[in-house]
């Protein structure tokens, strides 16, 4: 059997692309967050910035979950339509 019979490479590439994009977004989020907190200093504005940061982090995480879930459901439907479902 070939590797394509055991591993669905297109879906792995898609999941990897989404994961790398989310990791890059999180790294840039943390970097910008720390720079802004350092530049603003303590106070009410810093609290607002921290709340906005937490909201943006939640949106990034939700986007990652939704896109990966969408791709997985799409691949399951495609494989179910072909009549070849492999559960591991």
PDB file of N, CA and C in Angstrom:
ATOM      1  N   UNK A   1       0.829  -1.185   0.000  1.00  0.00           N
ATOM      2  CA  UNK A   1       0.000   0.000   0.000  1.00  0.00           C
ATOM      3  C   UNK A   1       0.874   1.249   0.000  1.00  0.00           C
ATOM      4  N   UNK A   2       0.402   2.223  -0.713  1.00  0.00           N
ATOM      5  CA  UNK A   2       1.155   3.476  -0.761  1.00  0.00           C
ATOM      6  C   UNK A   2       0.829   4.331   0.452  1.00  0.00           C
ATOM      7  N   UNK A   3       1.629   5.340   0.662  1.00  0.00           N
ATOM      8  CA  UNK A   3       1.420   6.223   1.805  1.00  0.00           C
ATOM      9  C   UNK A   3       0.103   6.989   1.664  1.00  0.00           C
ATOM     10  N   UNK A   4      -0.313   7.261   0.439  1.00  0.00           N
ATOM     11  CA  UNK A   4      -1.570   7.954   0.202  1.00  0.00           C
ATOM     12  C   UNK A   4      -2.784   7.174   0.666  1.00  0.00           C
ATOM     13  N   UNK A   5      -2.654   5.858   0.750  1.00  0.00           N
ATOM     14  CA  UNK A   5      -3.752   5.046   1.257  1.00  0.00           C
ATOM     15  C   UNK A   5      -3.913   5.186   2.769  1.00  0.00           C
ATOM     16  N   UNK A   6      -2.826   5.500   3.442  1.00  0.00           N
ATOM     17  CA  UNK A   6      -2.858   5.586   4.898  1.00  0.00           C
ATOM     18  C   UNK A   6      -2.989   7.015   5.411  1.00  0.00           C
ATOM     19  N   UNK A   7      -2.446   7.963   4.674  1.00  0.00           N
ATOM     20  CA  UNK A   7      -2.401   9.354   5.127  1.00  0.00           C
ATOM     21  C   UNK A   7      -3.037  10.237   4.068  1.00  0.00           C
ATOM     22  N   UNK A   8      -3.953  11.106   4.489  1.00  0.00           N
ATOM     23  CA  UNK A   8      -4.578  12.059   3.581  1.00  0.00           C
ATOM     24  C   UNK A   8      -3.731  13.337   3.571  1.00  0.00           C
ATOM     25  N   UNK A   9      -2.799  13.431   2.627  1.00  0.00           N
ATOM     26  CA  UNK A   9      -1.849  14.533   2.598  1.00  0.00           C
ATOM     27  C   UNK A   9      -2.496  15.903   2.409  1.00  0.00           C
ATOM     28  N   UNK A  10      -3.516  16.063   1.551  1.00  0.00           N
ATOM     29  CA  UNK A  10      -4.107  17.404   1.417  1.00  0.00           C
ATOM     30  C   UNK A  10      -4.686  17.951   2.726  1.00  0.00           C
ATOM     31  N   UNK A  11      -5.352  17.097   3.502  1.00  0.00           N
ATOM     32  CA  UNK A  11      -5.915  17.589   4.765  1.00  0.00           C
ATOM     33  C   UNK A  11      -4.807  17.877   5.769  1.00  0.00           C
ATOM     34  N   UNK A  12      -3.734  17.099   5.767  1.00  0.00           N
ATOM     35  CA  UNK A  12      -2.608  17.392   6.657  1.00  0.00           C
ATOM     36  C   UNK A  12      -1.945  18.714   6.281  1.00  0.00           C
ATOM     37  N   UNK A  13      -1.836  18.983   4.986  1.00  0.00           N
ATOM     38  CA  UNK A  13      -1.277  20.262   4.542  1.00  0.00           C
ATOM     39  C   UNK A  13      -2.169  21.415   4.967  1.00  0.00           C
ATOM     40  N   UNK A  14      -3.470  21.239   4.867  1.00  0.00           N
ATOM     41  CA  UNK A  14      -4.407  22.289   5.249  1.00  0.00           C
ATOM     42  C   UNK A  14      -4.345  22.557   6.746  1.00  0.00           C
ATOM     43  N   UNK A  15      -4.342  21.496   7.543  1.00  0.00           N
ATOM     44  CA  UNK A  15      -4.260  21.670   8.995  1.00  0.00           C
ATOM     45  C   UNK A  15      -2.943  22.327   9.375  1.00  0.00           C
ATOM     46  N   UNK A  16      -1.855  21.930   8.731  1.00  0.00           N
ATOM     47  CA  UNK A  16      -0.556  22.529   9.004  1.00  0.00           C
ATOM     48  C   UNK A  16      -0.555  24.004   8.647  1.00  0.00           C
ATOM     49  N   UNK A  17      -1.143  24.356   7.514  1.00  0.00           N
ATOM     50  CA  UNK A  17      -1.210  25.760   7.095  1.00  0.00           C
ATOM     51  C   UNK A  17      -1.995  26.587   8.119  1.00  0.00           C
ATOM     52  N   UNK A  18      -3.130  26.069   8.583  1.00  0.00           N
ATOM     53  CA  UNK A  18      -3.919  26.799   9.577  1.00  0.00           C
ATOM     54  C   UNK A  18      -3.172  26.911  10.904  1.00  0.00           C
ATOM     55  N   UNK A  19      -2.496  25.840  11.295  1.00  0.00           N
ATOM     56  CA  UNK A  19      -1.759  25.856  12.555  1.00  0.00           C
ATOM     57  C   UNK A  19      -0.610  26.856  12.504  1.00  0.00           C
ATOM     58  N   UNK A  20       0.153  26.850  11.422  1.00  0.00           N
ATOM     59  CA  UNK A  20       1.270  27.794  11.294  1.00  0.00           C
ATOM     60  C   UNK A  20       0.761  29.226  11.251  1.00  0.00           C
ATOM     61  N   UNK A  21      -0.339  29.455  10.544  1.00  0.00           N
ATOM     62  CA  UNK A  21      -0.915  30.799  10.502  1.00  0.00           C
ATOM     63  C   UNK A  21      -1.385  31.255  11.868  1.00  0.00           C
ATOM     64  N   UNK A  22      -1.988  30.358  12.630  1.00  0.00           N
ATOM     65  CA  UNK A  22      -2.447  30.720  13.973  1.00  0.00           C
ATOM     66  C   UNK A  22      -1.273  30.961  14.916  1.00  0.00           C
ATOM     67  N   UNK A  23      -0.233  30.162  14.800  1.00  0.00           N
ATOM     68  CA  UNK A  23       0.951  30.362  15.640  1.00  0.00           C
ATOM     69  C   UNK A  23       1.606  31.700  15.318  1.00  0.00           C
ATOM     70  N   UNK A  24       1.706  32.031  14.039  1.00  0.00           N
ATOM     71  CA  UNK A  24       2.274  33.325  13.650  1.00  0.00           C
ATOM     72  C   UNK A  24       1.415  34.474  14.175  1.00  0.00           C
ATOM     73  N   UNK A  25       0.095  34.318  14.111  1.00  0.00           N
ATOM     74  CA  UNK A  25      -0.792  35.357  14.643  1.00  0.00           C
ATOM     75  C   UNK A  25      -0.615  35.502  16.150  1.00  0.00           C
ATOM     76  N   UNK A  26      -0.469  34.381  16.855  1.00  0.00           N
ATOM     77  CA  UNK A  26      -0.280  34.450  18.300  1.00  0.00           C
ATOM     78  C   UNK A  26       1.056  35.094  18.671  1.00  0.00           C
ATOM     79  N   UNK A  27       2.095  34.779  17.925  1.00  0.00           N
ATOM     80  CA  UNK A  27       3.403  35.385  18.201  1.00  0.00           C
ATOM     81  C   UNK A  27       3.349  36.885  17.975  1.00  0.00           C
ATOM     82  N   UNK A  28       2.754  37.320  16.869  1.00  0.00           N
ATOM     83  CA  UNK A  28       2.649  38.756  16.620  1.00  0.00           C
ATOM     84  C   UNK A  28       1.741  39.412  17.656  1.00  0.00           C
ATOM     85  N   UNK A  29       0.678  38.707  18.068  1.00  0.00           N
ATOM     86  CA  UNK A  29      -0.222  39.225  19.104  1.00  0.00           C
ATOM     87  C   UNK A  29       0.540  39.465  20.403  1.00  0.00           C
ATOM     88  N   UNK A  30       1.320  38.484  20.834  1.00  0.00           N
ATOM     89  CA  UNK A  30       2.064  38.619  22.085  1.00  0.00           C
ATOM     90  C   UNK A  30       3.093  39.732  21.980  1.00  0.00           C
ATOM     91  N   UNK A  31       3.784  39.825  20.855  1.00  0.00           N
ATOM     92  CA  UNK A  31       4.800  40.857  20.674  1.00  0.00           C
ATOM     93  C   UNK A  31       4.191  42.253  20.737  1.00  0.00           C
ATOM     94  N   UNK A  32       3.133  42.470  19.979  1.00  0.00           N
ATOM     95  CA  UNK A  32       2.492  43.786  19.973  1.00  0.00           C
ATOM     96  C   UNK A  32       1.892  44.093  21.340  1.00  0.00           C
ATOM     97  N   UNK A  33       1.299  43.085  21.970  1.00  0.00           N
ATOM     98  CA  UNK A  33       0.706  43.278  23.298  1.00  0.00           C
ATOM     99  C   UNK A  33       1.749  43.740  24.305  1.00  0.00           C
ATOM    100  N   UNK A  34       2.882  43.075  24.326  1.00  0.00           N
ATOM    101  CA  UNK A  34       3.933  43.445  25.281  1.00  0.00           C
ATOM    102  C   UNK A  34       4.509  44.825  24.978  1.00  0.00           C
ATOM    103  N   UNK A  35       4.666  45.156  23.711  1.00  0.00           N
ATOM    104  CA  UNK A  35       5.172  46.482  23.348  1.00  0.00           C
ATOM    105  C   UNK A  35       4.199  47.580  23.776  1.00  0.00           C
ATOM    106  N   UNK A  36       2.919  47.349  23.558  1.00  0.00           N
ATOM    107  CA  UNK A  36       1.924  48.350  23.943  1.00  0.00           C
ATOM    108  C   UNK A  36       1.864  48.495  25.459  1.00  0.00           C
ATOM    109  N   UNK A  37       1.871  47.378  26.187  1.00  0.00           N
ATOM    110  CA  UNK A  37       1.851  47.454  27.649  1.00  0.00           C
ATOM    111  C   UNK A  37       3.075  48.190  28.178  1.00  0.00           C
ATOM    112  N   UNK A  38       4.222  47.950  27.573  1.00  0.00           N
ATOM    113  CA  UNK A  38       5.445  48.624  27.998  1.00  0.00           C
ATOM    114  C   UNK A  38       5.377  50.115  27.687  1.00  0.00           C
ATOM    115  N   UNK A  39       4.844  50.471  26.517  1.00  0.00           N
ATOM    116  CA  UNK A  39       4.793  51.868  26.104  1.00  0.00           C
ATOM    117  C   UNK A  39       3.737  52.654  26.884  1.00  0.00           C
ATOM    118  N   UNK A  40       2.604  52.024  27.213  1.00  0.00           N
ATOM    119  CA  UNK A  40       1.511  52.739  27.868  1.00  0.00           C
ATOM    120  C   UNK A  40       1.764  52.909  29.354  1.00  0.00           C
ATOM    121  N   UNK A  41       2.290  51.896  30.008  1.00  0.00           N
ATOM    122  CA  UNK A  41       2.516  51.965  31.445  1.00  0.00           C
ATOM    123  C   UNK A  41       1.251  51.622  32.212  1.00  0.00           C
ATOM    124  N   UNK A  42       1.323  51.631  33.553  1.00  0.00           N
ATOM    125  CA  UNK A  42       0.163  51.258  34.347  1.00  0.00           C
ATOM    126  C   UNK A  42      -0.932  52.326  34.291  1.00  0.00           C
ATOM    127  N   UNK A  43      -2.170  51.857  34.439  1.00  0.00           N
ATOM    128  CA  UNK A  43      -3.290  52.791  34.455  1.00  0.00           C
ATOM    129  C   UNK A  43      -4.508  52.206  33.771  1.00  0.00           C
ATOM    130  N   UNK A  44      -5.517  53.068  33.580  1.00  0.00           N
ATOM    131  CA  UNK A  44      -6.783  52.631  33.010  1.00  0.00           C
ATOM    132  C   UNK A  44      -6.634  52.259  31.527  1.00  0.00           C
ATOM    133  N   UNK A  45      -5.811  52.975  30.807  1.00  0.00           N
ATOM    134  CA  UNK A  45      -5.612  52.662  29.383  1.00  0.00           C
ATOM    135  C   UNK A  45      -4.988  51.283  29.234  1.00  0.00           C
ATOM    136  N   UNK A  46      -4.071  50.954  30.118  1.00  0.00           N
ATOM    137  CA  UNK A  46      -3.443  49.627  30.060  1.00  0.00           C
ATOM    138  C   UNK A  46      -4.486  48.530  30.295  1.00  0.00           C
ATOM    139  N   UNK A  47      -5.423  48.766  31.208  1.00  0.00           N
ATOM    140  CA  UNK A  47      -6.490  47.790  31.443  1.00  0.00           C
ATOM    141  C   UNK A  47      -7.323  47.584  30.193  1.00  0.00           C
ATOM    142  N   UNK A  48      -7.668  48.668  29.508  1.00  0.00           N
ATOM    143  CA  UNK A  48      -8.441  48.561  28.269  1.00  0.00           C
ATOM    144  C   UNK A  48      -7.670  47.792  27.200  1.00  0.00           C
ATOM    145  N   UNK A  49      -6.379  48.063  27.121  1.00  0.00           N
ATOM    146  CA  UNK A  49      -5.540  47.359  26.145  1.00  0.00           C
ATOM    147  C   UNK A  49      -5.493  45.869  26.473  1.00  0.00           C
ATOM    148  N   UNK A  50      -5.386  45.527  27.749  1.00  0.00           N
ATOM    149  CA  UNK A  50      -5.353  44.116  28.135  1.00  0.00           C
ATOM    150  C   UNK A  50      -6.680  43.422  27.823  1.00  0.00           C
ATOM    151  N   UNK A  51      -7.809  44.097  28.046  1.00  0.00           N
ATOM    152  CA  UNK A  51      -9.107  43.502  27.706  1.00  0.00           C
ATOM    153  C   UNK A  51      -9.236  43.302  26.200  1.00  0.00           C
ATOM    154  N   UNK A  52      -8.780  44.275  25.431  1.00  0.00           N
ATOM    155  CA  UNK A  52      -8.821  44.148  23.974  1.00  0.00           C
ATOM    156  C   UNK A  52      -7.919  42.999  23.522  1.00  0.00           C
ATOM    157  N   UNK A  53      -6.760  42.868  24.152  1.00  0.00           N
ATOM    158  CA  UNK A  53      -5.844  41.769  23.817  1.00  0.00           C
ATOM    159  C   UNK A  53      -6.481  40.417  24.088  1.00  0.00           C
ATOM    160  N   UNK A  54      -7.146  40.282  25.215  1.00  0.00           N
ATOM    161  CA  UNK A  54      -7.796  39.017  25.539  1.00  0.00           C
ATOM    162  C   UNK A  54      -8.908  38.698  24.552  1.00  0.00           C
ATOM    163  N   UNK A  55      -9.654  39.712  24.147  1.00  0.00           N
ATOM    164  CA  UNK A  55     -10.715  39.510  23.166  1.00  0.00           C
ATOM    165  C   UNK A  55     -10.136  39.065  21.821  1.00  0.00           C
ATOM    166  N   UNK A  56      -9.074  39.724  21.381  1.00  0.00           N
ATOM    167  CA  UNK A  56      -8.446  39.370  20.103  1.00  0.00           C
ATOM    168  C   UNK A  56      -7.880  37.958  20.155  1.00  0.00           C
ATOM    169  N   UNK A  57      -7.276  37.581  21.269  1.00  0.00           N
ATOM    170  CA  UNK A  57      -6.761  36.218  21.420  1.00  0.00           C
ATOM    171  C   UNK A  57      -7.890  35.199  21.321  1.00  0.00           C
ATOM    172  N   UNK A  58      -9.018  35.487  21.933  1.00  0.00           N
ATOM    173  CA  UNK A  58     -10.180  34.600  21.828  1.00  0.00           C
ATOM    174  C   UNK A  58     -10.679  34.473  20.400  1.00  0.00           C
ATOM    175  N   UNK A  59     -10.693  35.581  19.661  1.00  0.00           N
ATOM    176  CA  UNK A  59     -11.126  35.556  18.261  1.00  0.00           C
ATOM    177  C   UNK A  59     -10.162  34.724  17.417  1.00  0.00           C
ATOM    178  N   UNK A  60      -8.865  34.882  17.640  1.00  0.00           N
ATOM    179  CA  UNK A  60      -7.876  34.096  16.897  1.00  0.00           C
ATOM    180  C   UNK A  60      -8.065  32.605  17.177  1.00  0.00           C
ATOM    181  N   UNK A  61      -8.264  32.251  18.435  1.00  0.00           N
ATOM    182  CA  UNK A  61      -8.458  30.844  18.797  1.00  0.00           C
ATOM    183  C   UNK A  61      -9.741  30.303  18.183  1.00  0.00           C
ATOM    184  N   UNK A  62     -10.818  31.075  18.240  1.00  0.00           N
ATOM    185  CA  UNK A  62     -12.089  30.649  17.661  1.00  0.00           C
ATOM    186  C   UNK A  62     -11.972  30.478  16.147  1.00  0.00           C
ATOM    187  N   UNK A  63     -11.270  31.389  15.488  1.00  0.00           N
ATOM    188  CA  UNK A  63     -11.061  31.285  14.047  1.00  0.00           C
ATOM    189  C   UNK A  63     -10.294  30.008  13.708  1.00  0.00           C
ATOM    190  N   UNK A  64      -9.255  29.708  14.470  1.00  0.00           N
ATOM    191  CA  UNK A  64      -8.471  28.498  14.244  1.00  0.00           C
ATOM    192  C   UNK A  64      -9.341  27.253  14.387  1.00  0.00           C
ATOM    193  N   UNK A  65     -10.133  27.192  15.459  1.00  0.00           N
ATOM    194  CA  UNK A  65     -10.999  26.033  15.686  1.00  0.00           C
ATOM    195  C   UNK A  65     -12.017  25.887  14.556  1.00  0.00           C
ATOM    196  N   UNK A  66     -12.619  26.985  14.140  1.00  0.00           N
ATOM    197  CA  UNK A  66     -13.630  26.921  13.084  1.00  0.00           C
ATOM    198  C   UNK A  66     -13.043  26.506  11.736  1.00  0.00           C
ATOM    199  N   UNK A  67     -11.893  27.039  11.374  1.00  0.00           N
ATOM    200  CA  UNK A  67     -11.315  26.692  10.075  1.00  0.00           C
ATOM    201  C   UNK A  67     -10.845  25.245  10.037  1.00  0.00           C
ATOM    202  N   UNK A  68     -10.214  24.794  11.111  1.00  0.00           N
ATOM    203  CA  UNK A  68      -9.786  23.392  11.141  1.00  0.00           C
ATOM    204  C   UNK A  68     -11.004  22.472  11.156  1.00  0.00           C
ATOM    205  N   UNK A  69     -12.012  22.823  11.937  1.00  0.00           N
ATOM    206  CA  UNK A  69     -13.238  22.026  11.967  1.00  0.00           C
ATOM    207  C   UNK A  69     -13.925  21.987  10.609  1.00  0.00           C
ATOM    208  N   UNK A  70     -13.981  23.123   9.931  1.00  0.00           N
ATOM    209  CA  UNK A  70     -14.593  23.170   8.600  1.00  0.00           C
ATOM    210  C   UNK A  70     -13.858  22.261   7.625  1.00  0.00           C
ATOM    211  N   UNK A  71     -12.535  22.330   7.640  1.00  0.00           N
ATOM    212  CA  UNK A  71     -11.756  21.487   6.735  1.00  0.00           C
ATOM    213  C   UNK A  71     -11.912  20.005   7.061  1.00  0.00           C
ATOM    214  N   UNK A  72     -11.964  19.671   8.341  1.00  0.00           N
ATOM    215  CA  UNK A  72     -12.144  18.266   8.708  1.00  0.00           C
ATOM    216  C   UNK A  72     -13.520  17.758   8.288  1.00  0.00           C
ATOM    217  N   UNK A  73     -14.554  18.560   8.515  1.00  0.00           N
ATOM    218  CA  UNK A  73     -15.901  18.144   8.110  1.00  0.00           C
ATOM    219  C   UNK A  73     -15.984  18.003   6.600  1.00  0.00           C
ATOM    220  N   UNK A  74     -15.376  18.922   5.866  1.00  0.00           N
ATOM    221  CA  UNK A  74     -15.368  18.852   4.407  1.00  0.00           C
ATOM    222  C   UNK A  74     -14.677  17.577   3.912  1.00  0.00           C
ATOM    223  N   UNK A  75     -13.576  17.221   4.538  1.00  0.00           N
ATOM    224  CA  UNK A  75     -12.869  16.006   4.137  1.00  0.00           C
ATOM    225  C   UNK A  75     -13.653  14.755   4.515  1.00  0.00           C
ATOM    226  N   UNK A  76     -14.317  14.786   5.655  1.00  0.00           N
ATOM    227  CA  UNK A  76     -15.134  13.627   6.041  1.00  0.00           C
ATOM    228  C   UNK A  76     -16.276  13.444   5.053  1.00  0.00           C
ATOM    229  N   UNK A  77     -16.924  14.538   4.661  1.00  0.00           N
ATOM    230  CA  UNK A  77     -18.005  14.442   3.673  1.00  0.00           C
ATOM    231  C   UNK A  77     -17.481  13.926   2.335  1.00  0.00           C
ATOM    232  N   UNK A  78     -16.314  14.411   1.936  1.00  0.00           N
ATOM    233  CA  UNK A  78     -15.732  13.969   0.665  1.00  0.00           C
ATOM    234  C   UNK A  78     -15.416  12.483   0.710  1.00  0.00           C
ATOM    235  N   UNK A  79     -14.847  12.040   1.813  1.00  0.00           N
ATOM    236  CA  UNK A  79     -14.497  10.623   1.943  1.00  0.00           C
ATOM    237  C   UNK A  79     -15.741   9.759   2.103  1.00  0.00           C
ATOM    238  N   UNK A  80     -16.762  10.257   2.792  1.00  0.00           N
ATOM    239  CA  UNK A  80     -17.991   9.487   2.956  1.00  0.00           C
ATOM    240  C   UNK A  80     -18.713   9.370   1.617  1.00  0.00           C
ATOM    241  N   UNK A  81     -18.645  10.399   0.794  1.00  0.00           N
ATOM    242  CA  UNK A  81     -19.275  10.352  -0.520  1.00  0.00           C
ATOM    243  C   UNK A  81     -18.600   9.343  -1.436  1.00  0.00           C
ATOM    244  N   UNK A  82     -17.310   9.139  -1.227  1.00  0.00           N
ATOM    245  CA  UNK A  82     -16.569   8.171  -2.028  1.00  0.00           C
ATOM    246  C   UNK A  82     -16.759   6.751  -1.487  1.00  0.00           C
ATOM    247  N   UNK A  83     -17.335   6.644  -0.308  1.00  0.00           N
ATOM    248  CA  UNK A  83     -17.577   5.318   0.282  1.00  0.00           C
ATOM    249  C   UNK A  83     -16.360   4.728   0.947  1.00  0.00           C
ATOM    250  N   UNK A  84     -15.341   5.562   1.240  1.00  0.00           N
ATOM    251  CA  UNK A  84     -14.133   5.027   1.855  1.00  0.00           C
ATOM    252  C   UNK A  84     -13.821   5.806   3.121  1.00  0.00           C
ATOM    253  N   UNK A  85     -14.395   5.386   4.224  1.00  0.00           N
ATOM    254  CA  UNK A  85     -14.125   6.014   5.499  1.00  0.00           C
ATOM    255  C   UNK A  85     -13.159   5.110   6.253  1.00  0.00           C
ATOM    256  N   UNK A  86     -12.051   5.687   6.682  1.00  0.00           N
ATOM    257  CA  UNK A  86     -11.064   4.942   7.437  1.00  0.00           C
ATOM    258  C   UNK A  86     -10.972   5.587   8.805  1.00  0.00           C
ATOM    259  N   UNK A  87     -11.315   4.856   9.825  1.00  0.00           N
ATOM    260  CA  UNK A  87     -11.228   5.354  11.187  1.00  0.00           C
ATOM    261  C   UNK A  87     -10.018   4.739  11.854  1.00  0.00           C
ATOM    262  N   UNK A  88      -9.230   5.589  12.469  1.00  0.00           N
ATOM    263  CA  UNK A  88      -8.024   5.085  13.132  1.00  0.00           C
ATOM    264  C   UNK A  88      -8.127   5.286  14.608  1.00  0.00           C
TER     265      UNK A  88
END
